[in-house]
Protein backbone atom coordinates (compact mmCIF):
# COMPACT_ATOMS: atom_id res chain seq x y z
CA UNK A 1 96.69 -58.65 5.39
CA UNK A 2 97.44 -62.12 6.76
CA UNK A 3 100.55 -62.33 4.54
CA UNK A 4 101.78 -58.99 5.88
CA UNK A 5 101.21 -60.14 9.47
CA UNK A 6 103.19 -63.33 8.75
CA UNK A 7 106.08 -61.26 7.42
CA UNK A 8 106.02 -59.09 10.53
CA UNK A 9 106.06 -62.20 12.69
CA UNK A 10 109.31 -63.23 10.98
CA UNK A 11 110.84 -59.86 11.86
CA UNK A 12 110.71 -58.34 8.37
CA UNK A 13 110.33 -54.59 7.97
CA UNK A 14 107.53 -53.19 5.85
CA UNK A 15 108.10 -50.50 3.25
CA UNK A 16 106.09 -48.70 0.58
CA UNK A 17 102.52 -49.81 -0.12
CA UNK A 18 102.76 -52.73 2.33
CA UNK A 19 103.60 -50.37 5.19
CA UNK A 20 100.78 -48.00 4.22
CA UNK A 21 98.31 -50.86 4.04
CA UNK A 22 99.34 -52.16 7.46
CA UNK A 23 99.24 -48.71 9.04
CA UNK A 24 95.71 -48.23 7.71
CA UNK A 25 94.71 -51.62 9.09
CA UNK A 26 96.01 -50.68 12.53
CA UNK A 27 94.16 -47.33 12.41
CA UNK A 28 91.00 -49.06 11.20
CA UNK A 29 90.91 -51.49 14.11
CA UNK A 30 92.09 -49.22 16.94
CA UNK A 31 90.10 -45.98 16.50
CA UNK A 32 86.41 -45.36 16.94
CA UNK A 33 85.80 -44.52 13.28
CA UNK A 34 87.81 -47.58 12.36
CA UNK A 35 85.82 -49.80 14.72
CA UNK A 36 82.60 -48.47 13.20
CA UNK A 37 83.83 -49.47 9.76
CA UNK A 38 84.82 -52.88 11.07
CA UNK A 39 81.38 -53.48 12.61
CA UNK A 40 79.62 -52.39 9.43
CA UNK A 41 81.76 -54.82 7.45
CA UNK A 42 81.02 -57.62 9.91
CA UNK A 43 77.27 -56.98 9.61
CA UNK A 44 77.59 -56.79 5.80
CA UNK A 45 76.08 -53.31 5.77
CA UNK A 46 77.32 -52.05 2.42
CA UNK A 47 76.20 -49.76 -0.38
CA UNK A 48 74.22 -52.53 -2.07
CA UNK A 49 72.38 -53.17 1.22
CA UNK A 50 71.11 -49.58 1.37
CA UNK A 51 70.34 -49.48 -2.35
CA UNK A 52 68.24 -52.63 -2.16
CA UNK A 53 66.43 -51.38 0.94
CA UNK A 54 65.81 -48.04 -0.74
CA UNK A 55 64.43 -49.74 -3.86
CA UNK A 56 62.05 -51.85 -1.76
CA UNK A 57 60.78 -48.82 0.18
CA UNK A 58 60.42 -46.82 -3.03
CA UNK A 59 58.29 -49.56 -4.60
CA UNK A 60 56.21 -49.70 -1.42
CA UNK A 61 55.58 -45.95 -1.64
CA UNK A 62 54.45 -46.27 -5.26
CA UNK A 63 52.07 -49.07 -4.30
CA UNK A 64 50.60 -46.98 -1.48
CA UNK A 65 50.00 -44.20 -3.98
CA UNK A 66 47.88 -46.61 -6.04
CA UNK A 67 45.47 -47.34 -3.18
CA UNK A 68 43.01 -44.55 -4.00
CA UNK A 69 42.72 -45.64 -7.64
CA UNK A 70 42.47 -49.32 -6.71
CA UNK A 71 39.71 -48.56 -4.20
CA UNK A 72 37.70 -46.75 -6.86
CA UNK A 73 38.21 -49.56 -9.36
CA UNK A 74 37.12 -52.16 -6.81
CA UNK A 75 33.61 -50.69 -6.99
CA UNK A 76 33.24 -51.80 -10.60
CA UNK A 77 32.11 -55.03 -12.20
CA UNK A 78 33.40 -58.49 -11.31
CA UNK A 79 36.12 -58.25 -13.95
CA UNK A 80 37.33 -54.95 -12.43
CA UNK A 81 37.48 -56.50 -8.98
CA UNK A 82 39.44 -59.47 -10.28
CA UNK A 83 41.92 -57.10 -11.93
CA UNK A 84 42.34 -55.12 -8.70
CA UNK A 85 43.01 -58.31 -6.77
CA UNK A 86 45.59 -59.41 -9.34
CA UNK A 87 47.31 -56.01 -9.27
CA UNK A 88 47.63 -56.09 -5.49
CA UNK A 89 48.76 -59.72 -5.58
CA UNK A 90 51.50 -58.69 -8.02
CA UNK A 91 52.94 -56.45 -5.31
CA UNK A 92 54.37 -59.66 -3.81
CA UNK A 93 53.83 -57.95 -0.48
CA UNK A 94 54.58 -61.00 1.65
CA UNK A 95 58.15 -61.37 0.37
CA UNK A 96 58.68 -57.62 0.18
CA UNK A 97 57.54 -57.13 3.77
CA UNK A 98 59.85 -59.89 4.99
CA UNK A 99 62.81 -58.40 3.12
CA UNK A 100 62.19 -54.89 4.49
CA UNK A 101 61.66 -56.06 8.05
CA UNK A 102 64.76 -58.30 7.90
CA UNK A 103 66.87 -55.38 6.66
CA UNK A 104 65.51 -53.00 9.30
CA UNK A 105 66.30 -55.58 11.97
CA UNK A 106 69.82 -55.83 10.58
CA UNK A 107 70.11 -52.04 10.90
CA UNK A 108 69.00 -52.31 14.54
CA UNK A 109 71.51 -55.08 15.21
CA UNK A 110 74.36 -53.16 13.55
CA UNK A 111 73.58 -49.98 15.49
CA UNK A 112 73.51 -51.94 18.74
CA UNK A 113 76.86 -53.61 18.03
CA UNK A 114 78.48 -50.28 17.09
CA UNK A 115 77.23 -48.38 20.13
CA UNK A 116 78.07 -51.28 22.41
CA UNK A 117 81.74 -51.21 21.32
CA UNK A 118 82.57 -47.59 20.51
CA UNK A 119 79.97 -45.60 22.47
CA UNK A 120 79.26 -42.03 21.30
CA UNK A 121 81.55 -40.60 18.61
CA UNK A 122 83.30 -37.35 19.57
CA UNK A 123 82.78 -34.22 17.45
CA UNK A 124 86.41 -34.16 16.31
CA UNK A 125 86.02 -37.70 14.98
CA UNK A 126 82.83 -37.04 13.07
CA UNK A 127 84.54 -36.29 9.73
CA UNK A 128 86.36 -39.60 9.82
CA UNK A 129 83.30 -41.78 10.42
CA UNK A 130 82.35 -44.18 7.64
CA UNK A 131 79.54 -42.68 5.53
CA UNK A 132 77.62 -45.92 5.88
CA UNK A 133 77.16 -45.06 9.55
CA UNK A 134 75.31 -41.88 8.57
CA UNK A 135 73.12 -43.92 6.20
CA UNK A 136 72.44 -46.37 9.01
CA UNK A 137 71.34 -43.60 11.40
CA UNK A 138 69.09 -42.03 8.76
CA UNK A 139 67.54 -45.43 8.08
CA UNK A 140 67.01 -45.93 11.80
CA UNK A 141 65.27 -42.56 12.03
CA UNK A 142 62.89 -43.45 9.18
CA UNK A 143 62.13 -46.96 10.44
CA UNK A 144 58.82 -46.08 12.22
CA UNK A 145 57.42 -44.44 9.06
CA UNK A 146 58.50 -47.37 6.91
CA UNK A 147 56.89 -49.90 9.27
CA UNK A 148 53.69 -47.82 9.40
CA UNK A 149 53.54 -47.72 5.59
CA UNK A 150 54.19 -51.43 5.45
CA UNK A 151 51.35 -52.14 7.89
CA UNK A 152 49.00 -49.92 5.85
CA UNK A 153 49.86 -51.79 2.66
CA UNK A 154 49.36 -55.18 4.35
CA UNK A 155 45.96 -54.18 5.73
CA UNK A 156 44.92 -52.84 2.32
CA UNK A 157 45.98 -56.09 0.65
CA UNK A 158 44.00 -58.04 3.25
CA UNK A 159 40.91 -55.88 2.63
CA UNK A 160 41.24 -56.28 -1.14
CA UNK A 161 41.44 -60.06 -0.85
CA UNK A 162 38.15 -59.98 1.10
CA UNK A 163 36.21 -58.07 -1.59
CA UNK A 164 33.16 -60.02 -2.78
CA UNK A 165 33.96 -62.86 -0.37
CA UNK A 166 30.76 -63.87 1.50
CA UNK A 167 30.74 -63.01 5.19
CA UNK A 168 28.46 -64.02 8.03
CA UNK A 169 26.48 -61.19 9.60
CA UNK A 170 26.25 -61.92 13.32
CA UNK A 171 25.80 -58.56 15.00
CA UNK A 172 22.00 -58.71 15.17
CA UNK A 173 19.73 -61.73 15.39
CA UNK A 174 16.95 -61.71 12.80
CA UNK A 175 13.80 -63.40 14.11
CA UNK A 176 11.40 -65.30 11.87
CA UNK A 177 7.67 -64.68 12.03
CA UNK A 178 5.36 -67.67 11.79
CA UNK A 179 2.83 -65.83 9.65
CA UNK A 180 4.81 -63.38 7.56
CA UNK A 181 8.20 -62.69 6.04
CA UNK A 182 10.83 -60.87 8.07
CA UNK A 183 12.55 -57.94 6.42
CA UNK A 184 16.14 -57.04 7.27
CA UNK A 185 18.06 -54.01 6.01
CA UNK A 186 21.83 -53.99 5.79
CA UNK A 187 23.62 -50.70 5.23
CA UNK A 188 27.11 -50.70 3.76
CA UNK A 189 29.16 -47.74 4.91
CA UNK A 190 32.64 -46.53 4.15
CA UNK A 191 35.41 -47.23 6.64
CA UNK A 192 36.41 -43.87 8.07
CA UNK A 193 40.06 -44.34 7.07
CA UNK A 194 38.96 -44.78 3.43
CA UNK A 195 36.40 -41.98 3.35
CA UNK A 196 38.39 -39.74 1.01
CA UNK A 197 39.29 -42.38 -1.56
CA UNK A 198 35.73 -43.74 -1.55
CA UNK A 199 34.06 -40.36 -1.88
CA UNK A 200 31.52 -40.37 -4.70
CA UNK A 201 31.55 -44.15 -5.05
CA UNK A 202 27.94 -45.25 -4.63
CA UNK A 203 28.75 -48.88 -4.05
CA UNK A 204 30.05 -48.09 -0.59
CA UNK A 205 26.81 -46.46 0.51
CA UNK A 206 24.25 -49.07 -0.46
CA UNK A 207 21.34 -50.19 1.72
CA UNK A 208 20.29 -53.76 0.96
CA UNK A 209 16.89 -55.20 1.82
CA UNK A 210 16.78 -58.94 2.50
CA UNK A 211 13.59 -60.95 2.94
CA UNK A 212 13.57 -64.03 5.18
CA UNK A 213 10.76 -66.56 4.77
CA UNK A 214 9.39 -68.26 7.93
CA UNK A 215 10.94 -71.67 7.37
CA UNK A 216 13.08 -72.09 10.47
CA UNK A 217 11.47 -74.28 13.19
CA UNK A 218 12.58 -71.84 15.93
CA UNK A 219 14.08 -68.43 16.38
CA UNK A 220 16.23 -67.04 19.14
CA UNK A 221 16.40 -63.90 21.23
CA UNK A 222 19.13 -62.75 23.57
CA UNK A 223 19.12 -60.25 26.44
CA UNK A 224 18.75 -59.84 30.19
CA UNK A 225 15.95 -60.67 32.61
CA UNK A 226 14.64 -59.84 36.10
CA UNK A 227 14.07 -63.05 38.05
CA UNK A 228 12.33 -63.81 41.33
CA UNK A 229 13.88 -66.96 42.77
CA UNK A 230 12.13 -69.14 45.38
CA UNK A 231 15.38 -70.78 46.46
CA UNK A 232 15.74 -69.74 50.09
CA UNK A 233 19.08 -68.48 51.25
CA UNK A 234 20.29 -67.53 54.69
CA UNK A 235 22.93 -65.15 56.00
CA UNK A 236 25.23 -66.35 58.78
CA UNK A 237 26.73 -63.93 61.30
CA UNK A 238 28.69 -63.96 64.54
CA UNK A 239 26.64 -62.18 67.22
CA UNK A 240 26.64 -61.95 71.00
CA UNK A 241 23.73 -63.89 72.49
CA UNK A 242 23.27 -63.85 76.29
CA UNK A 243 26.80 -62.60 76.74
CA UNK A 244 28.38 -65.24 74.49
CA UNK A 245 29.54 -65.00 70.84
CA UNK A 246 27.57 -67.49 68.75
CA UNK A 247 26.69 -68.36 65.14
CA UNK A 248 23.34 -66.80 64.22
CA UNK A 249 21.32 -67.55 61.07
CA UNK A 250 19.38 -64.73 59.41
CA UNK A 251 16.87 -66.47 57.19
CA UNK A 252 15.98 -64.81 53.93
CA UNK A 253 12.52 -64.23 52.54
CA UNK A 254 10.58 -66.83 50.59
CA UNK A 255 11.75 -65.23 47.35
CA UNK A 256 14.27 -62.63 46.26
CA UNK A 257 14.92 -60.74 43.05
CA UNK A 258 18.06 -60.76 40.96
CA UNK A 259 19.21 -59.95 37.46
CA UNK A 260 20.34 -62.56 34.96
CA UNK A 261 23.26 -61.43 32.85
CA UNK A 262 22.57 -63.65 29.85
CA UNK A 263 19.20 -65.05 28.74
CA UNK A 264 18.54 -67.05 25.58
CA UNK A 265 14.91 -67.35 24.48
CA UNK A 266 13.90 -70.13 22.09
CA UNK A 267 10.59 -69.68 20.33
CA UNK A 268 9.12 -72.53 18.21
CA UNK A 269 7.67 -71.20 14.99
CA UNK A 270 4.23 -72.56 15.84
CA UNK A 271 4.22 -70.53 19.07
CA UNK A 272 5.37 -67.29 17.48
CA UNK A 273 2.10 -65.40 17.55
CA UNK A 274 2.83 -61.66 17.19
CA UNK A 275 0.54 -60.76 20.11
CA UNK A 276 0.59 -63.75 22.44
CA UNK A 277 3.26 -66.40 21.94
CA UNK A 278 5.09 -69.03 23.95
CA UNK A 279 8.78 -69.75 24.31
CA UNK A 280 11.49 -71.56 26.23
CA UNK A 281 14.11 -69.67 28.20
CA UNK A 282 17.62 -70.57 29.33
CA UNK A 283 19.56 -68.20 31.59
CA UNK A 284 22.87 -67.87 33.36
CA UNK A 285 24.05 -65.59 36.18
CA UNK A 286 27.88 -65.56 36.57
CA UNK A 287 27.96 -63.37 39.71
CA UNK A 288 30.59 -64.52 42.19
CA UNK A 289 29.22 -66.76 44.97
CA UNK A 290 25.74 -66.44 43.41
CA UNK A 291 26.29 -68.56 40.31
CA UNK A 292 22.92 -69.68 38.97
CA UNK A 293 21.38 -71.53 36.03
CA UNK A 294 17.78 -71.11 34.88
CA UNK A 295 15.50 -73.05 32.54
CA UNK A 296 11.81 -72.39 32.06
CA UNK A 297 8.84 -71.70 29.81
CA UNK A 298 6.74 -68.61 29.41
CA UNK A 299 4.65 -66.49 27.13
CA UNK A 300 5.11 -63.21 25.35
CA UNK A 301 2.69 -60.33 25.30
CA UNK A 302 3.14 -58.28 22.14
CA UNK A 303 6.84 -58.06 21.25
CA UNK A 304 8.80 -57.20 24.40
CA UNK A 305 7.17 -58.32 27.67
CA UNK A 306 7.83 -61.94 28.63
CA UNK A 307 6.54 -63.73 31.71
CA UNK A 308 7.22 -67.30 32.74
CA UNK A 309 8.26 -69.84 35.35
CA UNK A 310 10.99 -72.42 35.57
CA UNK A 311 13.57 -74.22 37.65
CA UNK A 312 16.81 -72.77 38.92
CA UNK A 313 19.97 -74.31 40.31
CA UNK A 314 21.99 -71.70 42.18
CA UNK A 315 24.62 -71.05 44.82
CA UNK A 316 23.53 -70.09 48.35
CA UNK A 317 25.55 -69.55 51.55
CA UNK A 318 26.14 -72.39 54.00
CA UNK A 319 28.21 -72.79 57.14
CA UNK A 320 31.72 -74.15 56.77
CA UNK A 321 32.57 -77.73 57.58
CA UNK A 322 31.99 -78.66 61.21
CA UNK A 323 29.97 -75.55 62.06
CA UNK A 324 26.28 -75.28 62.88
CA UNK A 325 23.87 -72.57 64.00
CA UNK A 326 24.19 -71.81 67.72
CA UNK A 327 27.81 -72.95 68.04
CA UNK A 328 29.86 -70.72 70.37
CA UNK A 329 32.79 -68.82 68.83
CA UNK A 330 35.95 -67.53 70.42
CA UNK A 331 36.31 -64.83 67.74
CA UNK A 332 34.35 -63.56 64.74
CA UNK A 333 37.11 -64.88 62.49
CA UNK A 334 36.14 -68.42 63.49
CA UNK A 335 32.97 -68.06 61.44
CA UNK A 336 33.54 -69.72 58.07
CA UNK A 337 30.92 -69.45 55.34
CA UNK A 338 30.94 -71.55 52.18
CA UNK A 339 28.45 -72.02 49.32
CA UNK A 340 26.36 -74.88 47.99
CA UNK A 341 23.95 -75.38 45.11
CA UNK A 342 20.21 -75.66 45.72
CA UNK A 343 17.36 -76.08 43.29
CA UNK A 344 13.98 -74.40 43.28
CA UNK A 345 11.40 -72.54 41.26
CA UNK A 346 11.67 -69.05 39.78
CA UNK A 347 9.45 -66.49 38.12
CA UNK A 348 10.87 -64.35 35.36
CA UNK A 349 9.97 -61.10 33.64
CA UNK A 350 12.25 -60.19 30.79
CA UNK A 351 12.96 -57.78 27.97
CA UNK A 352 14.91 -59.35 25.14
CA UNK A 353 16.43 -58.17 21.91
CA UNK A 354 15.51 -59.90 18.70
């Protein structure tokens, strides 16, 4: 086409095939259908592009169809599990996923460039539009389903790679007894999404019993606690006294109750008597303007009730800088209250989970 344009620049007239080729080039670059073709060419969206994308999606669909069988086989012996892992690894899902996502992004980019330049195509032009544009729109319409299938395959591959890999069970704390073994039961259930493919496979419905010998020096419990703190706190208000607005202090009682959001109990093995045992306790209350820390010792009666004493370091109200009780105020807004930390004793009664 460059040679033809050079000839035209010299003033030559085109005839025959050269004229037809140039006329088609002009039509291609000046009409909407032609601009669509041009944009598709620029983005290298060709027949091979769609064929390769179609092959990748087709292989992905076949691999998804294998999931039920692979799930069943994963319940077999170690050799069966190893074979399942190898089969899924052979999917080469990482490279396949990148290729599919890159191609779908290219479809998005091409559609954006086309619509940005030509806008909507009129009905009378529809027959002249490049067929690749139809393929692009169909691909765009199927993109959510393809991405969903891809995510399913990636999650399945991740789950398969985790089969028979040791995991740490942290949901519940298992306490040791000083005088006897502790028994823990772990039930393996089927993930709801895999219920159909796992139906009838006993491995997914096992209940395992694990015995823990009392060899740890301590065990831990975690829960909440009701605390009576002996740290005095006052409330400061602006009130009218003898006709004048002043700062007034409302002193609190000698103790007040509050709840601790997080309490860790530490029980030495030697103190872990099933009826009457001792323990240490560390607590934390994150409530705004009432931040508090607790540390104490106590004893347990049977398995749930715990009583003890300790020291606390917690926030209490105080007057702002430069203010004192009895100062006159020109307005209630002049009263500024801040917080400070004070230490003192506390009594706790708690119920903890073990």
